[in-house]
């Protein structure tokens, strides 16, 4: 975990512990489609072009903010306690989303 991503990834981990995080691109897209509108989506900086476009299109279609970070898929997965790569997560709590945004803006 790079130092400048530490606070952001810590906030994402807190969202996971609170049970307010949807993990993985497929799960995020499904939640958007089923109107379980998350407050925001966070994408790893090294996700593929197709994944990036898919997330951008879905978020734009449903009016959900998408933030791309410079954290890698591996760093994002480690922050949420997953062994595999994770390209995207969605935060389902407004206050926790504000926390994540504040960490993005301060990095």
N, C-alpha and C. Protein backbone atom coordinates (compact mmCIF):
# COMPACT_ATOMS: atom_id res chain seq x y z
N UNK A 1 0.85 -1.18 0.00
CA UNK A 1 0.00 0.00 0.00
C UNK A 1 0.89 1.24 0.00
N UNK A 2 0.71 2.07 -0.98
CA UNK A 2 1.49 3.29 -1.06
C UNK A 2 1.02 4.27 0.00
N UNK A 3 1.95 5.10 0.46
CA UNK A 3 1.64 6.01 1.55
C UNK A 3 0.49 6.96 1.22
N UNK A 4 0.48 7.53 0.01
CA UNK A 4 -0.55 8.50 -0.33
C UNK A 4 -1.94 7.87 -0.48
N UNK A 5 -2.01 6.56 -0.59
CA UNK A 5 -3.30 5.88 -0.67
C UNK A 5 -3.75 5.35 0.68
N UNK A 6 -2.92 5.43 1.69
CA UNK A 6 -3.22 4.83 2.98
C UNK A 6 -4.52 5.30 3.60
N UNK A 7 -4.74 6.59 3.65
CA UNK A 7 -5.96 7.13 4.26
C UNK A 7 -7.19 6.74 3.46
N UNK A 8 -7.09 6.79 2.14
CA UNK A 8 -8.21 6.41 1.28
C UNK A 8 -8.55 4.94 1.47
N UNK A 9 -7.56 4.08 1.42
CA UNK A 9 -7.80 2.65 1.56
C UNK A 9 -8.28 2.30 2.97
N UNK A 10 -7.83 3.06 3.95
CA UNK A 10 -8.32 2.87 5.32
C UNK A 10 -9.80 3.20 5.40
N UNK A 11 -10.22 4.25 4.72
CA UNK A 11 -11.64 4.63 4.70
C UNK A 11 -12.47 3.57 3.99
N UNK A 12 -11.94 2.99 2.91
CA UNK A 12 -12.64 1.93 2.19
C UNK A 12 -12.77 0.70 3.10
N UNK A 13 -11.72 0.39 3.83
CA UNK A 13 -11.78 -0.72 4.78
C UNK A 13 -12.82 -0.50 5.86
N UNK A 14 -12.95 0.73 6.31
CA UNK A 14 -13.97 1.07 7.30
C UNK A 14 -15.38 0.85 6.74
N UNK A 15 -15.58 1.21 5.48
CA UNK A 15 -16.87 0.97 4.81
C UNK A 15 -17.18 -0.52 4.79
N UNK A 16 -16.17 -1.33 4.52
CA UNK A 16 -16.35 -2.78 4.49
C UNK A 16 -16.75 -3.30 5.87
N UNK A 17 -16.05 -2.85 6.88
CA UNK A 17 -16.35 -3.31 8.25
C UNK A 17 -17.75 -2.89 8.68
N UNK A 18 -18.22 -1.76 8.18
CA UNK A 18 -19.56 -1.26 8.52
C UNK A 18 -20.65 -1.97 7.71
N UNK A 19 -20.25 -2.78 6.74
CA UNK A 19 -21.23 -3.48 5.91
C UNK A 19 -21.89 -2.58 4.88
N UNK A 20 -21.22 -1.51 4.51
CA UNK A 20 -21.78 -0.52 3.57
C UNK A 20 -20.99 -0.45 2.26
N UNK A 21 -20.47 -1.60 1.84
CA UNK A 21 -19.64 -1.63 0.65
C UNK A 21 -20.08 -2.76 -0.28
N UNK A 22 -20.23 -2.45 -1.55
CA UNK A 22 -20.49 -3.45 -2.58
C UNK A 22 -19.16 -3.66 -3.30
N UNK A 23 -18.73 -4.91 -3.39
CA UNK A 23 -17.38 -5.19 -3.88
C UNK A 23 -17.39 -5.92 -5.21
N UNK A 24 -16.62 -5.41 -6.15
CA UNK A 24 -16.46 -6.04 -7.45
C UNK A 24 -17.29 -5.36 -8.53
N UNK A 25 -16.76 -5.34 -9.72
CA UNK A 25 -17.40 -4.65 -10.84
C UNK A 25 -18.79 -5.21 -11.13
N UNK A 26 -18.91 -6.53 -11.20
CA UNK A 26 -20.21 -7.13 -11.51
C UNK A 26 -21.25 -6.78 -10.44
N UNK A 27 -20.86 -6.88 -9.18
CA UNK A 27 -21.79 -6.57 -8.08
C UNK A 27 -22.18 -5.10 -8.09
N UNK A 28 -21.23 -4.23 -8.40
CA UNK A 28 -21.52 -2.79 -8.46
C UNK A 28 -22.51 -2.50 -9.59
N UNK A 29 -22.28 -3.07 -10.77
CA UNK A 29 -23.18 -2.86 -11.91
C UNK A 29 -24.57 -3.42 -11.62
N UNK A 30 -24.63 -4.57 -10.97
CA UNK A 30 -25.91 -5.17 -10.61
C UNK A 30 -26.66 -4.28 -9.61
N UNK A 31 -25.96 -3.75 -8.63
CA UNK A 31 -26.60 -2.87 -7.64
C UNK A 31 -27.13 -1.61 -8.31
N UNK A 32 -26.40 -1.06 -9.26
CA UNK A 32 -26.87 0.12 -9.99
C UNK A 32 -28.13 -0.21 -10.79
N UNK A 33 -28.10 -1.33 -11.45
CA UNK A 33 -29.23 -1.73 -12.29
C UNK A 33 -30.48 -2.03 -11.47
N UNK A 34 -30.31 -2.58 -10.27
CA UNK A 34 -31.45 -2.94 -9.43
C UNK A 34 -31.92 -1.79 -8.55
N UNK A 35 -31.45 -0.58 -8.86
CA UNK A 35 -31.88 0.62 -8.13
C UNK A 35 -31.49 0.62 -6.66
N UNK A 36 -30.48 -0.17 -6.28
CA UNK A 36 -29.92 -0.10 -4.93
C UNK A 36 -28.84 0.96 -5.00
N UNK A 37 -29.27 2.16 -5.24
CA UNK A 37 -28.37 3.24 -5.63
C UNK A 37 -27.30 3.53 -4.58
N UNK A 38 -26.06 3.20 -4.90
CA UNK A 38 -24.97 3.59 -4.01
C UNK A 38 -24.73 5.10 -4.10
N UNK A 39 -24.07 5.63 -3.12
CA UNK A 39 -23.78 7.06 -3.12
C UNK A 39 -22.57 7.39 -3.98
N UNK A 40 -21.74 6.40 -4.25
CA UNK A 40 -20.59 6.62 -5.12
C UNK A 40 -19.85 5.33 -5.41
N UNK A 41 -19.10 5.35 -6.49
CA UNK A 41 -18.31 4.20 -6.92
C UNK A 41 -16.85 4.62 -6.99
N UNK A 42 -15.98 3.76 -6.50
CA UNK A 42 -14.54 4.00 -6.52
C UNK A 42 -13.90 2.93 -7.39
N UNK A 43 -13.14 3.35 -8.40
CA UNK A 43 -12.49 2.42 -9.32
C UNK A 43 -10.98 2.48 -9.14
N UNK A 44 -10.35 1.32 -9.24
CA UNK A 44 -8.89 1.25 -9.16
C UNK A 44 -8.28 1.89 -10.40
N UNK A 45 -7.13 2.49 -10.22
CA UNK A 45 -6.48 3.20 -11.32
C UNK A 45 -5.97 2.30 -12.43
N UNK A 46 -5.72 1.03 -12.11
CA UNK A 46 -5.17 0.13 -13.13
C UNK A 46 -6.20 -0.85 -13.68
N UNK A 47 -7.49 -0.55 -13.50
CA UNK A 47 -8.50 -1.45 -14.07
C UNK A 47 -8.46 -1.33 -15.60
N UNK A 48 -8.93 -2.36 -16.26
CA UNK A 48 -8.84 -2.41 -17.72
C UNK A 48 -9.70 -1.32 -18.37
N UNK A 49 -9.41 -1.04 -19.61
CA UNK A 49 -10.17 -0.04 -20.35
C UNK A 49 -11.65 -0.40 -20.46
N UNK A 50 -11.93 -1.70 -20.70
CA UNK A 50 -13.32 -2.15 -20.79
C UNK A 50 -14.05 -1.97 -19.47
N UNK A 51 -13.39 -2.33 -18.36
CA UNK A 51 -14.00 -2.18 -17.04
C UNK A 51 -14.24 -0.71 -16.74
N UNK A 52 -13.26 0.11 -17.06
CA UNK A 52 -13.38 1.54 -16.82
C UNK A 52 -14.56 2.14 -17.59
N UNK A 53 -14.70 1.76 -18.85
CA UNK A 53 -15.81 2.25 -19.68
C UNK A 53 -17.14 1.74 -19.16
N UNK A 54 -17.19 0.47 -18.79
CA UNK A 54 -18.43 -0.12 -18.27
C UNK A 54 -18.89 0.63 -17.03
N UNK A 55 -17.97 0.88 -16.11
CA UNK A 55 -18.32 1.60 -14.88
C UNK A 55 -18.76 3.03 -15.18
N UNK A 56 -18.02 3.69 -16.06
CA UNK A 56 -18.35 5.08 -16.40
C UNK A 56 -19.74 5.16 -17.04
N UNK A 57 -20.04 4.24 -17.94
CA UNK A 57 -21.35 4.24 -18.60
C UNK A 57 -22.47 3.98 -17.61
N UNK A 58 -22.30 2.98 -16.75
CA UNK A 58 -23.34 2.64 -15.77
C UNK A 58 -23.56 3.79 -14.79
N UNK A 59 -22.48 4.34 -14.28
CA UNK A 59 -22.60 5.43 -13.30
C UNK A 59 -23.26 6.65 -13.93
N UNK A 60 -22.89 6.97 -15.15
CA UNK A 60 -23.50 8.11 -15.83
C UNK A 60 -24.98 7.87 -16.08
N UNK A 61 -25.31 6.65 -16.46
CA UNK A 61 -26.69 6.30 -16.75
C UNK A 61 -27.59 6.41 -15.52
N UNK A 62 -27.05 6.05 -14.35
CA UNK A 62 -27.84 6.07 -13.12
C UNK A 62 -27.56 7.28 -12.23
N UNK A 63 -26.72 8.19 -12.68
CA UNK A 63 -26.46 9.41 -11.93
C UNK A 63 -25.70 9.21 -10.64
N UNK A 64 -24.77 8.28 -10.65
CA UNK A 64 -23.95 7.99 -9.46
C UNK A 64 -22.52 8.45 -9.73
N UNK A 65 -21.92 9.20 -8.79
CA UNK A 65 -20.55 9.66 -9.02
C UNK A 65 -19.55 8.50 -9.08
N UNK A 66 -18.60 8.63 -9.98
CA UNK A 66 -17.52 7.65 -10.14
C UNK A 66 -16.20 8.37 -9.92
N UNK A 67 -15.40 7.84 -9.01
CA UNK A 67 -14.07 8.40 -8.76
C UNK A 67 -13.03 7.34 -9.06
N UNK A 68 -12.05 7.71 -9.85
CA UNK A 68 -10.95 6.81 -10.16
C UNK A 68 -9.76 7.21 -9.30
N UNK A 69 -9.18 6.24 -8.63
CA UNK A 69 -8.06 6.49 -7.74
C UNK A 69 -6.78 5.93 -8.34
N UNK A 70 -5.65 6.30 -7.79
CA UNK A 70 -4.41 5.73 -8.28
C UNK A 70 -4.03 4.46 -7.53
N UNK A 71 -4.89 4.01 -6.62
CA UNK A 71 -4.67 2.72 -5.95
C UNK A 71 -4.86 1.60 -6.98
N UNK A 72 -4.08 0.55 -6.85
CA UNK A 72 -4.18 -0.57 -7.78
C UNK A 72 -5.29 -1.52 -7.35
N UNK A 73 -5.62 -2.44 -8.24
CA UNK A 73 -6.62 -3.47 -7.94
C UNK A 73 -6.19 -4.30 -6.74
N UNK A 74 -4.90 -4.60 -6.65
CA UNK A 74 -4.38 -5.39 -5.54
C UNK A 74 -4.50 -4.62 -4.22
N UNK A 75 -4.19 -3.31 -4.25
CA UNK A 75 -4.30 -2.50 -3.04
C UNK A 75 -5.74 -2.37 -2.59
N UNK A 76 -6.65 -2.21 -3.52
CA UNK A 76 -8.07 -2.11 -3.19
C UNK A 76 -8.56 -3.42 -2.59
N UNK A 77 -8.15 -4.54 -3.16
CA UNK A 77 -8.55 -5.85 -2.63
C UNK A 77 -8.00 -6.06 -1.22
N UNK A 78 -6.76 -5.67 -1.00
CA UNK A 78 -6.16 -5.82 0.33
C UNK A 78 -6.89 -4.97 1.37
N UNK A 79 -7.33 -3.79 0.97
CA UNK A 79 -8.02 -2.89 1.89
C UNK A 79 -9.35 -3.45 2.35
N UNK A 80 -9.99 -4.26 1.51
CA UNK A 80 -11.29 -4.82 1.88
C UNK A 80 -11.20 -6.28 2.29
N UNK A 81 -9.98 -6.80 2.38
CA UNK A 81 -9.79 -8.16 2.86
C UNK A 81 -10.08 -9.25 1.85
N UNK A 82 -9.94 -8.93 0.58
CA UNK A 82 -10.15 -9.92 -0.48
C UNK A 82 -8.79 -10.37 -1.01
N UNK A 83 -8.72 -11.63 -1.41
CA UNK A 83 -7.47 -12.16 -1.91
C UNK A 83 -7.22 -11.84 -3.37
N UNK A 84 -8.28 -11.72 -4.14
CA UNK A 84 -8.15 -11.47 -5.57
C UNK A 84 -8.12 -9.97 -5.85
N UNK A 85 -7.92 -9.63 -7.10
CA UNK A 85 -7.96 -8.22 -7.50
C UNK A 85 -9.40 -7.72 -7.45
N UNK A 86 -9.56 -6.47 -7.06
CA UNK A 86 -10.88 -5.84 -7.04
C UNK A 86 -10.76 -4.52 -7.79
N UNK A 87 -11.50 -4.39 -8.89
CA UNK A 87 -11.40 -3.20 -9.73
C UNK A 87 -12.29 -2.07 -9.26
N UNK A 88 -13.39 -2.40 -8.56
CA UNK A 88 -14.32 -1.35 -8.16
C UNK A 88 -15.08 -1.72 -6.90
N UNK A 89 -15.45 -0.69 -6.15
CA UNK A 89 -16.31 -0.85 -4.99
C UNK A 89 -17.32 0.30 -5.01
N UNK A 90 -18.47 0.07 -4.37
CA UNK A 90 -19.49 1.11 -4.26
C UNK A 90 -19.84 1.27 -2.79
N UNK A 91 -20.00 2.52 -2.37
CA UNK A 91 -20.32 2.83 -0.98
C UNK A 91 -21.81 3.13 -0.89
N UNK A 92 -22.49 2.45 0.06
CA UNK A 92 -23.95 2.57 0.16
C UNK A 92 -24.40 3.44 1.32
N UNK A 93 -23.48 4.13 1.97
CA UNK A 93 -23.83 5.04 3.07
C UNK A 93 -23.33 6.44 2.73
N UNK A 94 -24.19 7.43 2.86
CA UNK A 94 -23.83 8.79 2.46
C UNK A 94 -22.67 9.36 3.26
N UNK A 95 -22.68 9.17 4.57
CA UNK A 95 -21.61 9.72 5.40
C UNK A 95 -20.27 9.03 5.13
N UNK A 96 -20.31 7.73 4.91
CA UNK A 96 -19.07 7.02 4.58
C UNK A 96 -18.55 7.43 3.21
N UNK A 97 -19.45 7.71 2.26
CA UNK A 97 -19.02 8.20 0.96
C UNK A 97 -18.33 9.55 1.10
N UNK A 98 -18.88 10.41 1.96
CA UNK A 98 -18.23 11.71 2.21
C UNK A 98 -16.83 11.52 2.79
N UNK A 99 -16.68 10.52 3.67
CA UNK A 99 -15.36 10.22 4.23
C UNK A 99 -14.40 9.79 3.13
N UNK A 100 -14.85 8.91 2.26
CA UNK A 100 -14.00 8.46 1.14
C UNK A 100 -13.61 9.64 0.25
N UNK A 101 -14.57 10.49 -0.07
CA UNK A 101 -14.28 11.67 -0.90
C UNK A 101 -13.27 12.59 -0.23
N UNK A 102 -13.39 12.75 1.08
CA UNK A 102 -12.44 13.63 1.77
C UNK A 102 -11.02 13.05 1.71
N UNK A 103 -10.91 11.74 1.72
CA UNK A 103 -9.59 11.09 1.61
C UNK A 103 -9.03 11.21 0.20
N UNK A 104 -9.91 11.21 -0.80
CA UNK A 104 -9.46 11.38 -2.18
C UNK A 104 -8.95 12.79 -2.37
N UNK A 105 -9.69 13.75 -1.86
CA UNK A 105 -9.33 15.17 -2.03
C UNK A 105 -8.08 15.56 -1.25
N UNK A 106 -7.77 14.82 -0.20
CA UNK A 106 -6.58 15.15 0.62
C UNK A 106 -5.34 14.43 0.17
N UNK A 107 -5.45 13.51 -0.79
CA UNK A 107 -4.26 12.76 -1.20
C UNK A 107 -3.49 13.46 -2.28
